[in-house]
Amino acid sequence: MRTTTLGRTGITVSRIALGTMMLGAWGNRDHEDGERLVRTALDAGVNLVDTADMYSAGESERIVGKALKGRRDEVVLATKVHFPMGGGGNRQGNSRRWIRQAVEGSLRRLETDRIDLYQVHRPDPSTDIDETLSVLSDLVREGKVLAIGSSDFPAEQIVEARWTAERRGHVPFHTEQPPYSVLMRGVERAVLPTAQKYGVGVLTWSPLASGWLTGKYRRGGPLELNEFRRDLIPHKFDQSLPGNARKYEVVEELLRLASDAGLSLTHLALAFVLSHPAVDSAIIGPRTADQLGDLLAAADVELDDAVLDRIDELVPPGTDLNPADADYTPPQLADASLRRR
């Protein structure tokens, strides 16, 4: 397994990271099987494990915590905070009040005394970034958190957070975790260049575009969605959206391209993400050991310029094939009252 340094943290991480969103009620409900999957990834050289408090309402963190018993020091352990964790408006967001509670919950579920990378899962328009960075800095100084990062932050908010940290004497975000795949390249416009400019480490998620780049979904075939995709991300499969209809065409072309290159589509997709110089590690989210084995086999695949050029023809750089796939929408776009007198 190839490794690299995560941004400017000095922390060495594997180029492929294990994402655990599918461990628990959203995917694999068998805890023992989930624990085995985590340990199999570690045995294969993966040392970065990423989870979040909201994945299956904390269940993923509990599975990861059990899996890492006796091996905690081998792992760069990452989790996140932001999304609701129970009723009430104060059990969510990026406030000092909630982050203080949330980090203790994550430490308890993960059965550890520190989190190597604690990430803010989404921006929070109701909370000043100064407030968020202030409490995260306190957690770093207390040793409960070793590095901090953001996820799905637009480039301008990455810059604002960095400016705020410098002006106010806070610990800056060390990493950004954006979605990135052949079908979702919007982050190439500003997020990835901004990360490169400021030395922010990049962990990307969804390299297989929520399953589209496995070849599972083909035109004319059944669109069988699991509970997570059906209930939480239906917009990524809604056939009435032109971008989703276009995915079928692009997938067929990518299958031919991968075959000509002697690769599977999953290997092509993962190698594409890792080919960008801003990307330190690509997070995979397997549900089964077979899926894990297939993706780990892509660790050493490198794409030549001809293949990358053809991908650029199919999905131009900086383009999201389906704009509705975006997982963060600025409030000014979602709420009409914010853009009208």
Foldseek 3Di string as FASTA:
>chain_A
DDWDDFQPLRDIFAQAAAEALQDPPQHANDLVQSLVLVVVCVVLPGAEYEYECPRNLNRSLLSQLVSCVVPVVSHQAEYEFADANDDDPLCGHQALSNVVVRLVVSCVSSVHQAHAEYEYEAHDVVDDLLRNQVNVQVCCVVRRYVAYAYELDPLVVLVVQVVSCVVVVGHGHQAYEYADWLQAQQCLVGVLVSCVVVRRGYEYEDLCQQVLQQVPDAPPDDDDDGPCCVPPPVVCCPPVFPLNVLSNVLSVVLCVLQVVVVHHSLLVSSQLVSVDPRHRHYYDHDNHSVVVVNNSVSSPDHDDPVSVVVSCVSAPHNDNSGVVNRPDDPVVVVDVVNVDD
